[in-house]
């Protein structure tokens, strides 16, 4: 049976890899304007050019920030988390990096368009 620390590590690694895989079509400009998949902010829907520009930039930022949980997952594989507080931090910090940091950067970028 896998220890809780290993499960948590593999979850972080998997989360980071999944976000990267989902972002690749956006980065390549393969996803047209839609309401289901992509960076869906008001500015992106103003034109096709904005859609592709914002989605390419957003994919780059999300891929960059997705490396954080991957690195955390790899580190915690070799250095298991011992106490509950550390365990919770290792679970929630990657989510913050994948969700909040890219969103802030994307919104700032979109304001400049």
N, C-alpha and C. Protein backbone atom coordinates (compact mmCIF):
# COMPACT_ATOMS: atom_id res chain seq x y z
N UNK A 1 0.84 -1.19 0.00
CA UNK A 1 0.00 0.00 0.00
C UNK A 1 0.88 1.25 0.00
N UNK A 2 0.48 2.23 -0.80
CA UNK A 2 1.25 3.46 -0.90
C UNK A 2 1.03 4.33 0.33
N UNK A 3 2.10 4.98 0.75
CA UNK A 3 1.97 5.89 1.88
C UNK A 3 1.26 7.17 1.43
N UNK A 4 0.72 7.89 2.38
CA UNK A 4 0.01 9.13 2.10
C UNK A 4 0.93 10.14 1.41
N UNK A 5 2.19 10.17 1.80
CA UNK A 5 3.14 11.10 1.22
C UNK A 5 3.39 10.79 -0.26
N UNK A 6 3.47 9.51 -0.59
CA UNK A 6 3.69 9.12 -1.98
C UNK A 6 2.46 9.47 -2.82
N UNK A 7 1.29 9.22 -2.28
CA UNK A 7 0.05 9.55 -2.99
C UNK A 7 -0.01 11.06 -3.24
N UNK A 8 0.32 11.83 -2.23
CA UNK A 8 0.31 13.29 -2.37
C UNK A 8 1.33 13.73 -3.41
N UNK A 9 2.51 13.14 -3.40
CA UNK A 9 3.55 13.49 -4.37
C UNK A 9 3.09 13.19 -5.79
N UNK A 10 2.54 12.00 -5.98
CA UNK A 10 2.07 11.61 -7.30
C UNK A 10 0.90 12.47 -7.76
N UNK A 11 0.08 12.90 -6.82
CA UNK A 11 -1.04 13.79 -7.15
C UNK A 11 -0.52 15.14 -7.65
N UNK A 12 0.46 15.70 -6.97
CA UNK A 12 1.04 16.98 -7.42
C UNK A 12 1.68 16.84 -8.79
N UNK A 13 2.44 15.78 -8.99
CA UNK A 13 3.09 15.57 -10.28
C UNK A 13 2.04 15.41 -11.38
N UNK A 14 1.03 14.59 -11.11
CA UNK A 14 -0.04 14.36 -12.10
C UNK A 14 -0.80 15.64 -12.42
N UNK A 15 -1.10 16.42 -11.41
CA UNK A 15 -1.82 17.68 -11.60
C UNK A 15 -1.02 18.61 -12.52
N UNK A 16 0.26 18.75 -12.23
CA UNK A 16 1.11 19.62 -13.06
C UNK A 16 1.19 19.14 -14.50
N UNK A 17 1.36 17.83 -14.68
CA UNK A 17 1.46 17.28 -16.03
C UNK A 17 0.13 17.43 -16.78
N UNK A 18 -0.98 17.21 -16.10
CA UNK A 18 -2.29 17.35 -16.76
C UNK A 18 -2.53 18.78 -17.22
N UNK A 19 -2.16 19.74 -16.41
CA UNK A 19 -2.34 21.15 -16.80
C UNK A 19 -1.48 21.45 -18.03
N UNK A 20 -0.27 20.94 -18.05
CA UNK A 20 0.61 21.16 -19.20
C UNK A 20 0.01 20.55 -20.46
N UNK A 21 -0.49 19.32 -20.35
CA UNK A 21 -1.09 18.65 -21.51
C UNK A 21 -2.30 19.42 -22.03
N UNK A 22 -3.12 19.92 -21.12
CA UNK A 22 -4.31 20.68 -21.52
C UNK A 22 -3.92 22.02 -22.17
N UNK A 23 -2.80 22.58 -21.77
CA UNK A 23 -2.38 23.88 -22.29
C UNK A 23 -1.69 23.81 -23.66
N UNK A 24 -1.19 22.66 -24.05
CA UNK A 24 -0.45 22.55 -25.31
C UNK A 24 -1.28 22.99 -26.52
N UNK A 25 -2.54 22.52 -26.67
CA UNK A 25 -3.32 23.01 -27.82
C UNK A 25 -3.56 24.52 -27.79
N UNK A 26 -3.69 25.09 -26.62
CA UNK A 26 -3.86 26.55 -26.51
C UNK A 26 -2.59 27.26 -26.94
N UNK A 27 -1.46 26.73 -26.53
CA UNK A 27 -0.17 27.31 -26.87
C UNK A 27 0.06 27.28 -28.38
N UNK A 28 -0.38 26.21 -29.02
CA UNK A 28 -0.20 26.06 -30.47
C UNK A 28 -1.27 26.79 -31.27
N UNK A 29 -2.25 27.38 -30.61
CA UNK A 29 -3.30 28.11 -31.31
C UNK A 29 -4.29 27.20 -32.03
N UNK A 30 -4.50 26.01 -31.50
CA UNK A 30 -5.37 25.02 -32.13
C UNK A 30 -6.83 25.12 -31.68
N UNK A 31 -7.10 25.90 -30.66
CA UNK A 31 -8.44 25.97 -30.10
C UNK A 31 -9.08 27.32 -30.47
N UNK A 32 -10.14 27.24 -31.25
CA UNK A 32 -10.85 28.45 -31.64
C UNK A 32 -11.69 28.99 -30.49
N UNK A 33 -12.23 30.17 -30.71
CA UNK A 33 -13.03 30.83 -29.68
C UNK A 33 -14.23 29.96 -29.29
N UNK A 34 -14.39 29.72 -28.01
CA UNK A 34 -15.50 28.92 -27.49
C UNK A 34 -15.72 29.27 -26.03
N UNK A 35 -16.79 28.75 -25.46
CA UNK A 35 -17.12 29.04 -24.06
C UNK A 35 -16.77 27.91 -23.12
N UNK A 36 -16.05 26.89 -23.60
CA UNK A 36 -15.76 25.72 -22.77
C UNK A 36 -14.29 25.51 -22.46
N UNK A 37 -13.42 25.87 -23.37
CA UNK A 37 -12.01 25.48 -23.25
C UNK A 37 -11.12 26.66 -23.63
N UNK A 38 -10.28 27.06 -22.73
CA UNK A 38 -9.37 28.16 -22.98
C UNK A 38 -9.46 29.20 -21.88
N UNK A 39 -8.75 30.29 -22.09
CA UNK A 39 -8.78 31.40 -21.14
C UNK A 39 -10.01 32.23 -21.50
N UNK A 40 -11.02 32.13 -20.67
CA UNK A 40 -12.32 32.73 -20.99
C UNK A 40 -12.54 33.98 -20.14
N UNK A 41 -11.89 35.04 -20.55
CA UNK A 41 -12.11 36.33 -19.91
C UNK A 41 -12.76 37.25 -20.96
N UNK A 42 -13.40 38.28 -20.51
CA UNK A 42 -14.15 39.17 -21.40
C UNK A 42 -13.29 39.68 -22.56
N UNK A 43 -12.08 40.09 -22.26
CA UNK A 43 -11.19 40.66 -23.29
C UNK A 43 -10.88 39.64 -24.39
N UNK A 44 -10.81 38.37 -24.04
CA UNK A 44 -10.50 37.33 -25.03
C UNK A 44 -11.61 37.17 -26.06
N UNK A 45 -12.83 37.48 -25.69
CA UNK A 45 -13.97 37.31 -26.59
C UNK A 45 -14.21 38.54 -27.47
N UNK A 46 -13.39 39.57 -27.34
CA UNK A 46 -13.59 40.77 -28.14
C UNK A 46 -13.18 40.59 -29.60
N UNK A 47 -12.22 39.70 -29.86
CA UNK A 47 -11.81 39.44 -31.24
C UNK A 47 -11.07 38.11 -31.30
N UNK A 48 -10.97 37.58 -32.51
CA UNK A 48 -10.21 36.33 -32.72
C UNK A 48 -8.75 36.55 -32.34
N UNK A 49 -8.21 37.70 -32.73
CA UNK A 49 -6.81 38.00 -32.43
C UNK A 49 -6.58 38.00 -30.92
N UNK A 50 -7.46 38.66 -30.17
CA UNK A 50 -7.34 38.66 -28.71
C UNK A 50 -7.43 37.25 -28.16
N UNK A 51 -8.37 36.45 -28.69
CA UNK A 51 -8.55 35.08 -28.21
C UNK A 51 -7.23 34.31 -28.30
N UNK A 52 -6.64 34.31 -29.48
CA UNK A 52 -5.42 33.53 -29.67
C UNK A 52 -4.24 34.12 -28.91
N UNK A 53 -4.13 35.43 -28.87
CA UNK A 53 -3.04 36.07 -28.14
C UNK A 53 -3.12 35.78 -26.65
N UNK A 54 -4.29 35.96 -26.07
CA UNK A 54 -4.48 35.74 -24.63
C UNK A 54 -4.32 34.26 -24.30
N UNK A 55 -4.84 33.37 -25.14
CA UNK A 55 -4.73 31.95 -24.85
C UNK A 55 -3.30 31.44 -24.99
N UNK A 56 -2.56 31.95 -25.96
CA UNK A 56 -1.14 31.56 -26.06
C UNK A 56 -0.37 32.03 -24.82
N UNK A 57 -0.57 33.28 -24.47
CA UNK A 57 0.12 33.81 -23.29
C UNK A 57 -0.31 33.05 -22.03
N UNK A 58 -1.61 32.83 -21.89
CA UNK A 58 -2.12 32.11 -20.72
C UNK A 58 -1.57 30.70 -20.63
N UNK A 59 -1.48 30.03 -21.76
CA UNK A 59 -0.92 28.67 -21.77
C UNK A 59 0.54 28.69 -21.34
N UNK A 60 1.30 29.67 -21.83
CA UNK A 60 2.70 29.78 -21.42
C UNK A 60 2.82 29.96 -19.91
N UNK A 61 2.00 30.85 -19.36
CA UNK A 61 2.08 31.12 -17.93
C UNK A 61 1.64 29.91 -17.11
N UNK A 62 0.58 29.24 -17.56
CA UNK A 62 0.10 28.07 -16.82
C UNK A 62 1.11 26.93 -16.88
N UNK A 63 1.76 26.76 -18.02
CA UNK A 63 2.80 25.73 -18.13
C UNK A 63 3.95 26.06 -17.19
N UNK A 64 4.36 27.32 -17.18
CA UNK A 64 5.44 27.73 -16.28
C UNK A 64 5.08 27.45 -14.83
N UNK A 65 3.89 27.89 -14.40
CA UNK A 65 3.50 27.72 -13.01
C UNK A 65 3.16 26.27 -12.67
N UNK A 66 2.89 25.44 -13.66
CA UNK A 66 2.62 24.02 -13.40
C UNK A 66 3.89 23.26 -13.03
N UNK A 67 5.03 23.86 -13.32
CA UNK A 67 6.27 23.20 -12.92
C UNK A 67 6.44 23.21 -11.40
N UNK A 68 5.82 24.17 -10.73
CA UNK A 68 5.93 24.26 -9.26
C UNK A 68 5.39 23.00 -8.58
N UNK A 69 4.14 22.56 -8.86
CA UNK A 69 3.68 21.34 -8.21
C UNK A 69 4.45 20.10 -8.64
N UNK A 70 4.96 20.09 -9.88
CA UNK A 70 5.77 18.95 -10.31
C UNK A 70 7.03 18.87 -9.47
N UNK A 71 7.70 20.00 -9.29
CA UNK A 71 8.92 20.03 -8.47
C UNK A 71 8.60 19.67 -7.02
N UNK A 72 7.51 20.23 -6.48
CA UNK A 72 7.12 19.90 -5.11
C UNK A 72 6.84 18.41 -4.99
N UNK A 73 6.16 17.85 -5.98
CA UNK A 73 5.86 16.42 -5.96
C UNK A 73 7.12 15.57 -5.99
N UNK A 74 8.08 15.95 -6.82
CA UNK A 74 9.34 15.20 -6.89
C UNK A 74 10.10 15.31 -5.59
N UNK A 75 10.18 16.51 -5.04
CA UNK A 75 10.91 16.71 -3.78
C UNK A 75 10.26 15.92 -2.65
N UNK A 76 8.93 15.95 -2.57
CA UNK A 76 8.26 15.23 -1.48
C UNK A 76 8.29 13.72 -1.65
N UNK A 77 8.60 13.25 -2.85
CA UNK A 77 8.82 11.81 -3.02
C UNK A 77 10.05 11.36 -2.25
N UNK A 78 11.09 12.21 -2.28
CA UNK A 78 12.35 11.86 -1.63
C UNK A 78 12.45 12.37 -0.20
N UNK A 79 11.70 13.41 0.12
CA UNK A 79 11.68 13.97 1.47
C UNK A 79 10.23 14.05 1.94
N UNK A 80 9.69 12.95 2.44
CA UNK A 80 8.27 12.90 2.81
C UNK A 80 7.90 13.96 3.85
N UNK A 81 6.66 14.41 3.74
CA UNK A 81 6.12 15.41 4.66
C UNK A 81 5.69 14.69 5.93
N UNK A 82 6.09 15.23 7.08
CA UNK A 82 5.81 14.54 8.33
C UNK A 82 4.55 14.96 9.05
N UNK A 83 4.36 16.24 9.27
CA UNK A 83 3.22 16.68 10.08
C UNK A 83 2.05 17.16 9.21
N UNK A 84 0.91 17.32 9.82
CA UNK A 84 -0.32 17.66 9.11
C UNK A 84 -0.25 19.04 8.46
N UNK A 85 0.32 20.01 9.14
CA UNK A 85 0.40 21.37 8.59
C UNK A 85 1.23 21.37 7.31
N UNK A 86 2.37 20.71 7.35
CA UNK A 86 3.22 20.63 6.16
C UNK A 86 2.50 19.91 5.03
N UNK A 87 1.81 18.84 5.39
CA UNK A 87 1.06 18.07 4.39
C UNK A 87 0.01 18.94 3.71
N UNK A 88 -0.73 19.71 4.49
CA UNK A 88 -1.76 20.59 3.92
C UNK A 88 -1.15 21.68 3.05
N UNK A 89 -0.01 22.23 3.48
CA UNK A 89 0.68 23.23 2.67
C UNK A 89 1.12 22.65 1.33
N UNK A 90 1.64 21.44 1.37
CA UNK A 90 2.12 20.80 0.15
C UNK A 90 0.96 20.47 -0.79
N UNK A 91 -0.22 20.33 -0.27
CA UNK A 91 -1.39 20.09 -1.11
C UNK A 91 -1.94 21.40 -1.69
N UNK A 92 -2.07 22.44 -0.87
CA UNK A 92 -2.76 23.66 -1.30
C UNK A 92 -1.86 24.68 -2.00
N UNK A 93 -0.60 24.73 -1.69
CA UNK A 93 0.30 25.68 -2.34
C UNK A 93 0.37 25.44 -3.86
N UNK A 94 0.50 24.19 -4.32
CA UNK A 94 0.51 23.98 -5.78
C UNK A 94 -0.77 24.45 -6.47
N UNK A 95 -1.89 24.28 -5.83
CA UNK A 95 -3.16 24.73 -6.42
C UNK A 95 -3.14 26.25 -6.57
N UNK A 96 -2.61 26.93 -5.59
CA UNK A 96 -2.49 28.39 -5.67
C UNK A 96 -1.61 28.78 -6.84
N UNK A 97 -0.48 28.07 -7.00
CA UNK A 97 0.42 28.40 -8.09
C UNK A 97 -0.19 28.11 -9.46
N UNK A 98 -0.96 27.04 -9.57
CA UNK A 98 -1.55 26.70 -10.86
C UNK A 98 -2.73 27.61 -11.19
N UNK A 99 -3.48 28.04 -10.21
CA UNK A 99 -4.71 28.81 -10.47
C UNK A 99 -4.53 30.31 -10.35
N UNK A 100 -4.03 30.77 -9.24
CA UNK A 100 -4.06 32.20 -8.95
C UNK A 100 -2.94 32.98 -9.64
N UNK A 101 -1.73 32.48 -9.59
CA UNK A 101 -0.61 33.21 -10.18
C UNK A 101 -0.78 33.42 -11.69
N UNK A 102 -1.11 32.37 -12.46
CA UNK A 102 -1.31 32.62 -13.89
C UNK A 102 -2.49 33.55 -14.16
N UNK A 103 -3.54 33.45 -13.38
CA UNK A 103 -4.70 34.31 -13.58
C UNK A 103 -4.33 35.78 -13.41
N UNK A 104 -3.56 36.09 -12.40
CA UNK A 104 -3.12 37.47 -12.19
C UNK A 104 -2.30 37.95 -13.39
N UNK A 105 -1.38 37.11 -13.85
CA UNK A 105 -0.55 37.50 -14.99
C UNK A 105 -1.37 37.65 -16.27
N UNK A 106 -2.32 36.76 -16.48
CA UNK A 106 -3.17 36.82 -17.68
C UNK A 106 -4.02 38.09 -17.67
N UNK A 107 -4.61 38.41 -16.54
CA UNK A 107 -5.43 39.62 -16.45
C UNK A 107 -4.60 40.88 -16.68
N UNK A 108 -3.40 40.91 -16.15
CA UNK A 108 -2.52 42.06 -16.38
C UNK A 108 -2.15 42.18 -17.86
N UNK A 109 -1.85 41.04 -18.47
CA UNK A 109 -1.51 41.01 -19.89
C UNK A 109 -2.69 41.49 -20.74
N UNK A 110 -3.87 41.00 -20.43
CA UNK A 110 -5.07 41.34 -21.21
C UNK A 110 -5.38 42.83 -21.13
N UNK A 111 -5.08 43.46 -20.00
CA UNK A 111 -5.33 44.90 -19.86
C UNK A 111 -4.52 45.70 -20.86
N UNK A 112 -3.34 45.19 -21.22
CA UNK A 112 -2.46 45.90 -22.14
C UNK A 112 -2.91 45.81 -23.59
N UNK A 113 -3.79 44.86 -23.89
CA UNK A 113 -4.24 44.70 -25.29
C UNK A 113 -5.25 45.76 -25.67
